[in-house]
Amino acid sequence: MSLIHNERTKLSATYLNGVAIAVMAVGGLGPVVSVLNGGSASAASVAAVSVICLAGSITLHFLARRLLGSLEP
């Protein structure tokens, strides 16, 4: 039974880490690239959104790591 639990836990952690990567790519890096290519958003708002998304991404990543801590031997 613990093998099934471990595999489900790993699958959930992988999904959560994938969401963290997507948040960083779309919300953290996307606006920066847009401004560098001549976008019309202000640099301050882009910086704020990027920092918020980066913090959210890091939080999701550490939640995924914590989830992996529940693996059974």
PDB file of N, CA and C in Angstrom:
ATOM      1  N   MET A   1       0.818  -1.203   0.000  1.00  0.00           N
ATOM      2  CA  MET A   1       0.000   0.000   0.000  1.00  0.00           C
ATOM      3  C   MET A   1       0.858   1.262   0.000  1.00  0.00           C
ATOM      4  N   SER A   2       2.024   1.227   0.654  1.00  0.00           N
ATOM      5  CA  SER A   2       2.852   2.432   0.709  1.00  0.00           C
ATOM      6  C   SER A   2       3.434   2.782  -0.659  1.00  0.00           C
ATOM      7  N   LEU A   3       3.605   1.771  -1.531  1.00  0.00           N
ATOM      8  CA  LEU A   3       4.112   2.051  -2.873  1.00  0.00           C
ATOM      9  C   LEU A   3       3.114   2.911  -3.654  1.00  0.00           C
ATOM     10  N   ILE A   4       1.842   2.584  -3.542  1.00  0.00           N
ATOM     11  CA  ILE A   4       0.807   3.370  -4.219  1.00  0.00           C
ATOM     12  C   ILE A   4       0.760   4.785  -3.644  1.00  0.00           C
ATOM     13  N   HIS A   5       0.832   4.882  -2.326  1.00  0.00           N
ATOM     14  CA  HIS A   5       0.833   6.196  -1.671  1.00  0.00           C
ATOM     15  C   HIS A   5       2.023   7.031  -2.141  1.00  0.00           C
ATOM     16  N   ASN A   6       3.192   6.421  -2.207  1.00  0.00           N
ATOM     17  CA  ASN A   6       4.396   7.149  -2.625  1.00  0.00           C
ATOM     18  C   ASN A   6       4.289   7.629  -4.066  1.00  0.00           C
ATOM     19  N   GLU A   7       3.774   6.794  -4.939  1.00  0.00           N
ATOM     20  CA  GLU A   7       3.651   7.196  -6.346  1.00  0.00           C
ATOM     21  C   GLU A   7       2.633   8.323  -6.521  1.00  0.00           C
ATOM     22  N   ARG A   8       1.543   8.262  -5.785  1.00  0.00           N
ATOM     23  CA  ARG A   8       0.556   9.345  -5.852  1.00  0.00           C
ATOM     24  C   ARG A   8       1.139  10.640  -5.292  1.00  0.00           C
ATOM     25  N   THR A   9       1.904  10.523  -4.234  1.00  0.00           N
ATOM     26  CA  THR A   9       2.544  11.698  -3.644  1.00  0.00           C
ATOM     27  C   THR A   9       3.540  12.310  -4.616  1.00  0.00           C
ATOM     28  N   LYS A  10       4.335  11.471  -5.268  1.00  0.00           N
ATOM     29  CA  LYS A  10       5.306  11.984  -6.242  1.00  0.00           C
ATOM     30  C   LYS A  10       4.613  12.641  -7.436  1.00  0.00           C
ATOM     31  N   LEU A  11       3.499  12.049  -7.868  1.00  0.00           N
ATOM     32  CA  LEU A  11       2.753  12.628  -8.980  1.00  0.00           C
ATOM     33  C   LEU A  11       2.194  14.001  -8.603  1.00  0.00           C
ATOM     34  N   SER A  12       1.656  14.107  -7.412  1.00  0.00           N
ATOM     35  CA  SER A  12       1.117  15.397  -6.949  1.00  0.00           C
ATOM     36  C   SER A  12       2.218  16.436  -6.812  1.00  0.00           C
ATOM     37  N   ALA A  13       3.367  16.030  -6.281  1.00  0.00           N
ATOM     38  CA  ALA A  13       4.485  16.960  -6.128  1.00  0.00           C
ATOM     39  C   ALA A  13       5.018  17.407  -7.483  1.00  0.00           C
ATOM     40  N   THR A  14       5.062  16.505  -8.439  1.00  0.00           N
ATOM     41  CA  THR A  14       5.519  16.858  -9.785  1.00  0.00           C
ATOM     42  C   THR A  14       4.569  17.854 -10.440  1.00  0.00           C
ATOM     43  N   TYR A  15       3.276  17.627 -10.272  1.00  0.00           N
ATOM     44  CA  TYR A  15       2.284  18.552 -10.823  1.00  0.00           C
ATOM     45  C   TYR A  15       2.426  19.935 -10.187  1.00  0.00           C
ATOM     46  N   LEU A  16       2.552  19.972  -8.870  1.00  0.00           N
ATOM     47  CA  LEU A  16       2.677  21.237  -8.158  1.00  0.00           C
ATOM     48  C   LEU A  16       3.944  21.982  -8.580  1.00  0.00           C
ATOM     49  N   ASN A  17       5.028  21.248  -8.776  1.00  0.00           N
ATOM     50  CA  ASN A  17       6.268  21.880  -9.220  1.00  0.00           C
ATOM     51  C   ASN A  17       6.132  22.394 -10.662  1.00  0.00           C
ATOM     52  N   GLY A  18       5.366  21.679 -11.488  1.00  0.00           N
ATOM     53  CA  GLY A  18       5.105  22.152 -12.847  1.00  0.00           C
ATOM     54  C   GLY A  18       4.311  23.446 -12.861  1.00  0.00           C
ATOM     55  N   VAL A  19       3.354  23.548 -11.950  1.00  0.00           N
ATOM     56  CA  VAL A  19       2.589  24.793 -11.822  1.00  0.00           C
ATOM     57  C   VAL A  19       3.514  25.922 -11.383  1.00  0.00           C
ATOM     58  N   ALA A  20       4.446  25.621 -10.484  1.00  0.00           N
ATOM     59  CA  ALA A  20       5.409  26.637 -10.031  1.00  0.00           C
ATOM     60  C   ALA A  20       6.258  27.136 -11.197  1.00  0.00           C
ATOM     61  N   ILE A  21       6.672  26.227 -12.052  1.00  0.00           N
ATOM     62  CA  ILE A  21       7.473  26.613 -13.225  1.00  0.00           C
ATOM     63  C   ILE A  21       6.643  27.481 -14.166  1.00  0.00           C
ATOM     64  N   ALA A  22       5.386  27.116 -14.374  1.00  0.00           N
ATOM     65  CA  ALA A  22       4.520  27.899 -15.259  1.00  0.00           C
ATOM     66  C   ALA A  22       4.271  29.293 -14.709  1.00  0.00           C
ATOM     67  N   VAL A  23       4.058  29.402 -13.398  1.00  0.00           N
ATOM     68  CA  VAL A  23       3.837  30.716 -12.784  1.00  0.00           C
ATOM     69  C   VAL A  23       5.066  31.595 -12.984  1.00  0.00           C
ATOM     70  N   MET A  24       6.247  31.013 -12.802  1.00  0.00           N
ATOM     71  CA  MET A  24       7.462  31.807 -12.971  1.00  0.00           C
ATOM     72  C   MET A  24       7.646  32.230 -14.432  1.00  0.00           C
ATOM     73  N   ALA A  25       7.372  31.309 -15.351  1.00  0.00           N
ATOM     74  CA  ALA A  25       7.575  31.627 -16.768  1.00  0.00           C
ATOM     75  C   ALA A  25       6.579  32.666 -17.275  1.00  0.00           C
ATOM     76  N   VAL A  26       5.314  32.471 -16.957  1.00  0.00           N
ATOM     77  CA  VAL A  26       4.277  33.356 -17.488  1.00  0.00           C
ATOM     78  C   VAL A  26       4.212  34.677 -16.735  1.00  0.00           C
ATOM     79  N   GLY A  27       4.210  34.610 -15.415  1.00  0.00           N
ATOM     80  CA  GLY A  27       4.049  35.827 -14.624  1.00  0.00           C
ATOM     81  C   GLY A  27       5.338  36.519 -14.266  1.00  0.00           C
ATOM     82  N   GLY A  28       6.418  35.758 -14.191  1.00  0.00           N
ATOM     83  CA  GLY A  28       7.694  36.347 -13.783  1.00  0.00           C
ATOM     84  C   GLY A  28       8.551  36.803 -14.947  1.00  0.00           C
ATOM     85  N   LEU A  29       8.680  35.953 -15.947  1.00  0.00           N
ATOM     86  CA  LEU A  29       9.569  36.283 -17.063  1.00  0.00           C
ATOM     87  C   LEU A  29       8.846  36.916 -18.255  1.00  0.00           C
ATOM     88  N   GLY A  30       7.600  36.528 -18.470  1.00  0.00           N
ATOM     89  CA  GLY A  30       6.843  37.055 -19.613  1.00  0.00           C
ATOM     90  C   GLY A  30       6.741  38.566 -19.652  1.00  0.00           C
ATOM     91  N   PRO A  31       6.321  39.213 -18.563  1.00  0.00           N
ATOM     92  CA  PRO A  31       6.234  40.676 -18.589  1.00  0.00           C
ATOM     93  C   PRO A  31       7.583  41.367 -18.785  1.00  0.00           C
ATOM     94  N   VAL A  32       8.630  40.785 -18.231  1.00  0.00           N
ATOM     95  CA  VAL A  32       9.969  41.378 -18.395  1.00  0.00           C
ATOM     96  C   VAL A  32      10.387  41.337 -19.861  1.00  0.00           C
ATOM     97  N   VAL A  33      10.173  40.212 -20.500  1.00  0.00           N
ATOM     98  CA  VAL A  33      10.511  40.086 -21.920  1.00  0.00           C
ATOM     99  C   VAL A  33       9.660  41.040 -22.749  1.00  0.00           C
ATOM    100  N   SER A  34       8.399  41.189 -22.383  1.00  0.00           N
ATOM    101  CA  SER A  34       7.522  42.104 -23.105  1.00  0.00           C
ATOM    102  C   SER A  34       8.022  43.546 -23.030  1.00  0.00           C
ATOM    103  N   VAL A  35       8.403  43.984 -21.836  1.00  0.00           N
ATOM    104  CA  VAL A  35       8.903  45.359 -21.680  1.00  0.00           C
ATOM    105  C   VAL A  35      10.213  45.548 -22.433  1.00  0.00           C
ATOM    106  N   LEU A  36      11.081  44.542 -22.391  1.00  0.00           N
ATOM    107  CA  LEU A  36      12.362  44.643 -23.097  1.00  0.00           C
ATOM    108  C   LEU A  36      12.168  44.705 -24.609  1.00  0.00           C
ATOM    109  N   ASN A  37      11.047  44.183 -25.095  1.00  0.00           N
ATOM    110  CA  ASN A  37      10.758  44.231 -26.532  1.00  0.00           C
ATOM    111  C   ASN A  37       9.883  45.421 -26.911  1.00  0.00           C
ATOM    112  N   GLY A  38       9.776  46.399 -26.031  1.00  0.00           N
ATOM    113  CA  GLY A  38       9.058  47.616 -26.369  1.00  0.00           C
ATOM    114  C   GLY A  38       7.619  47.642 -25.908  1.00  0.00           C
ATOM    115  N   GLY A  39       7.267  46.854 -24.918  1.00  0.00           N
ATOM    116  CA  GLY A  39       5.906  46.864 -24.382  1.00  0.00           C
ATOM    117  C   GLY A  39       5.589  48.192 -23.721  1.00  0.00           C
ATOM    118  N   SER A  40       4.305  48.461 -23.526  1.00  0.00           N
ATOM    119  CA  SER A  40       3.892  49.774 -23.026  1.00  0.00           C
ATOM    120  C   SER A  40       3.689  49.819 -21.513  1.00  0.00           C
ATOM    121  N   ALA A  41       3.880  48.718 -20.803  1.00  0.00           N
ATOM    122  CA  ALA A  41       3.681  48.703 -19.349  1.00  0.00           C
ATOM    123  C   ALA A  41       4.820  49.435 -18.655  1.00  0.00           C
ATOM    124  N   SER A  42       4.506  49.990 -17.485  1.00  0.00           N
ATOM    125  CA  SER A  42       5.552  50.686 -16.742  1.00  0.00           C
ATOM    126  C   SER A  42       6.490  49.671 -16.091  1.00  0.00           C
ATOM    127  N   ALA A  43       7.726  50.083 -15.944  1.00  0.00           N
ATOM    128  CA  ALA A  43       8.729  49.187 -15.389  1.00  0.00           C
ATOM    129  C   ALA A  43       8.415  48.832 -13.938  1.00  0.00           C
ATOM    130  N   ALA A  44       7.841  49.763 -13.188  1.00  0.00           N
ATOM    131  CA  ALA A  44       7.522  49.492 -11.783  1.00  0.00           C
ATOM    132  C   ALA A  44       6.439  48.431 -11.645  1.00  0.00           C
ATOM    133  N   SER A  45       5.412  48.512 -12.478  1.00  0.00           N
ATOM    134  CA  SER A  45       4.342  47.511 -12.382  1.00  0.00           C
ATOM    135  C   SER A  45       4.833  46.137 -12.836  1.00  0.00           C
ATOM    136  N   VAL A  46       5.668  46.111 -13.858  1.00  0.00           N
ATOM    137  CA  VAL A  46       6.229  44.844 -14.324  1.00  0.00           C
ATOM    138  C   VAL A  46       7.124  44.238 -13.249  1.00  0.00           C
ATOM    139  N   ALA A  47       7.908  45.052 -12.591  1.00  0.00           N
ATOM    140  CA  ALA A  47       8.776  44.562 -11.529  1.00  0.00           C
ATOM    141  C   ALA A  47       7.950  44.008 -10.372  1.00  0.00           C
ATOM    142  N   ALA A  48       6.867  44.695 -10.024  1.00  0.00           N
ATOM    143  CA  ALA A  48       6.020  44.229  -8.921  1.00  0.00           C
ATOM    144  C   ALA A  48       5.365  42.889  -9.261  1.00  0.00           C
ATOM    145  N   VAL A  49       4.822  42.775 -10.459  1.00  0.00           N
ATOM    146  CA  VAL A  49       4.192  41.521 -10.877  1.00  0.00           C
ATOM    147  C   VAL A  49       5.222  40.400 -10.919  1.00  0.00           C
ATOM    148  N   SER A  50       6.399  40.686 -11.431  1.00  0.00           N
ATOM    149  CA  SER A  50       7.445  39.671 -11.520  1.00  0.00           C
ATOM    150  C   SER A  50       7.878  39.183 -10.144  1.00  0.00           C
ATOM    151  N   VAL A  51       8.025  40.090  -9.210  1.00  0.00           N
ATOM    152  CA  VAL A  51       8.434  39.704  -7.857  1.00  0.00           C
ATOM    153  C   VAL A  51       7.338  38.877  -7.181  1.00  0.00           C
ATOM    154  N   ILE A  52       6.088  39.275  -7.359  1.00  0.00           N
ATOM    155  CA  ILE A  52       4.979  38.524  -6.766  1.00  0.00           C
ATOM    156  C   ILE A  52       4.903  37.119  -7.357  1.00  0.00           C
ATOM    157  N   CYS A  53       5.034  37.007  -8.661  1.00  0.00           N
ATOM    158  CA  CYS A  53       4.977  35.689  -9.301  1.00  0.00           C
ATOM    159  C   CYS A  53       6.186  34.835  -8.938  1.00  0.00           C
ATOM    160  N   LEU A  54       7.347  35.445  -8.823  1.00  0.00           N
ATOM    161  CA  LEU A  54       8.527  34.694  -8.408  1.00  0.00           C
ATOM    162  C   LEU A  54       8.351  34.168  -6.984  1.00  0.00           C
ATOM    163  N   ALA A  55       7.818  34.999  -6.100  1.00  0.00           N
ATOM    164  CA  ALA A  55       7.578  34.554  -4.722  1.00  0.00           C
ATOM    165  C   ALA A  55       6.536  33.436  -4.689  1.00  0.00           C
ATOM    166  N   GLY A  56       5.497  33.564  -5.487  1.00  0.00           N
ATOM    167  CA  GLY A  56       4.493  32.504  -5.558  1.00  0.00           C
ATOM    168  C   GLY A  56       5.063  31.207  -6.100  1.00  0.00           C
ATOM    169  N   SER A  57       5.927  31.320  -7.097  1.00  0.00           N
ATOM    170  CA  SER A  57       6.558  30.140  -7.673  1.00  0.00           C
ATOM    171  C   SER A  57       7.453  29.434  -6.650  1.00  0.00           C
ATOM    172  N   ILE A  58       8.217  30.205  -5.912  1.00  0.00           N
ATOM    173  CA  ILE A  58       9.082  29.624  -4.885  1.00  0.00           C
ATOM    174  C   ILE A  58       8.238  28.957  -3.798  1.00  0.00           C
ATOM    175  N   THR A  59       7.139  29.585  -3.420  1.00  0.00           N
ATOM    176  CA  THR A  59       6.250  29.008  -2.417  1.00  0.00           C
ATOM    177  C   THR A  59       5.675  27.676  -2.896  1.00  0.00           C
ATOM    178  N   LEU A  60       5.212  27.628  -4.135  1.00  0.00           N
ATOM    179  CA  LEU A  60       4.682  26.380  -4.682  1.00  0.00           C
ATOM    180  C   LEU A  60       5.745  25.293  -4.741  1.00  0.00           C
ATOM    181  N   HIS A  61       6.960  25.672  -5.099  1.00  0.00           N
ATOM    182  CA  HIS A  61       8.047  24.703  -5.163  1.00  0.00           C
ATOM    183  C   HIS A  61       8.328  24.102  -3.781  1.00  0.00           C
ATOM    184  N   PHE A  62       8.365  24.945  -2.762  1.00  0.00           N
ATOM    185  CA  PHE A  62       8.629  24.427  -1.425  1.00  0.00           C
ATOM    186  C   PHE A  62       7.448  23.633  -0.880  1.00  0.00           C
ATOM    187  N   LEU A  63       6.231  23.941  -1.303  1.00  0.00           N
ATOM    188  CA  LEU A  63       5.089  23.100  -0.947  1.00  0.00           C
ATOM    189  C   LEU A  63       5.224  21.709  -1.579  1.00  0.00           C
ATOM    190  N   ALA A  64       5.715  21.667  -2.810  1.00  0.00           N
ATOM    191  CA  ALA A  64       5.950  20.375  -3.461  1.00  0.00           C
ATOM    192  C   ALA A  64       7.023  19.591  -2.720  1.00  0.00           C
ATOM    193  N   ARG A  65       8.064  20.274  -2.269  1.00  0.00           N
ATOM    194  CA  ARG A  65       9.109  19.590  -1.492  1.00  0.00           C
ATOM    195  C   ARG A  65       8.552  19.066  -0.182  1.00  0.00           C
ATOM    196  N   ARG A  66       7.710  19.843   0.465  1.00  0.00           N
ATOM    197  CA  ARG A  66       7.107  19.400   1.723  1.00  0.00           C
ATOM    198  C   ARG A  66       6.217  18.180   1.484  1.00  0.00           C
ATOM    199  N   LEU A  67       5.503  18.194   0.362  1.00  0.00           N
ATOM    200  CA  LEU A  67       4.662  17.050   0.023  1.00  0.00           C
ATOM    201  C   LEU A  67       5.498  15.790  -0.130  1.00  0.00           C
ATOM    202  N   LEU A  68       6.667  15.915  -0.705  1.00  0.00           N
ATOM    203  CA  LEU A  68       7.553  14.752  -0.849  1.00  0.00           C
ATOM    204  C   LEU A  68       8.059  14.255   0.489  1.00  0.00           C
ATOM    205  N   GLY A  69       8.020  15.105   1.503  1.00  0.00           N
ATOM    206  CA  GLY A  69       8.432  14.680   2.838  1.00  0.00           C
ATOM    207  C   GLY A  69       7.489  13.668   3.446  1.00  0.00           C
ATOM    208  N   SER A  70       6.309  13.509   2.863  1.00  0.00           N
ATOM    209  CA  SER A  70       5.357  12.541   3.405  1.00  0.00           C
ATOM    210  C   SER A  70       5.499  11.166   2.772  1.00  0.00           C
ATOM    211  N   LEU A  71       6.559  10.948   2.013  1.00  0.00           N
ATOM    212  CA  LEU A  71       6.771   9.621   1.441  1.00  0.00           C
ATOM    213  C   LEU A  71       7.018   8.612   2.553  1.00  0.00           C
ATOM    214  N   GLU A  72       6.485   7.415   2.359  1.00  0.00           N
ATOM    215  CA  GLU A  72       6.640   6.359   3.343  1.00  0.00           C
ATOM    216  C   GLU A  72       7.782   5.441   2.943  1.00  0.00           C
ATOM    217  N   PRO A  73       8.532   4.929   3.921  1.00  0.00           N
ATOM    218  CA  PRO A  73       9.645   4.011   3.580  1.00  0.00           C
ATOM    219  C   PRO A  73       9.151   2.662   3.092  1.00  0.00           C
TER     220      PRO A  73
END
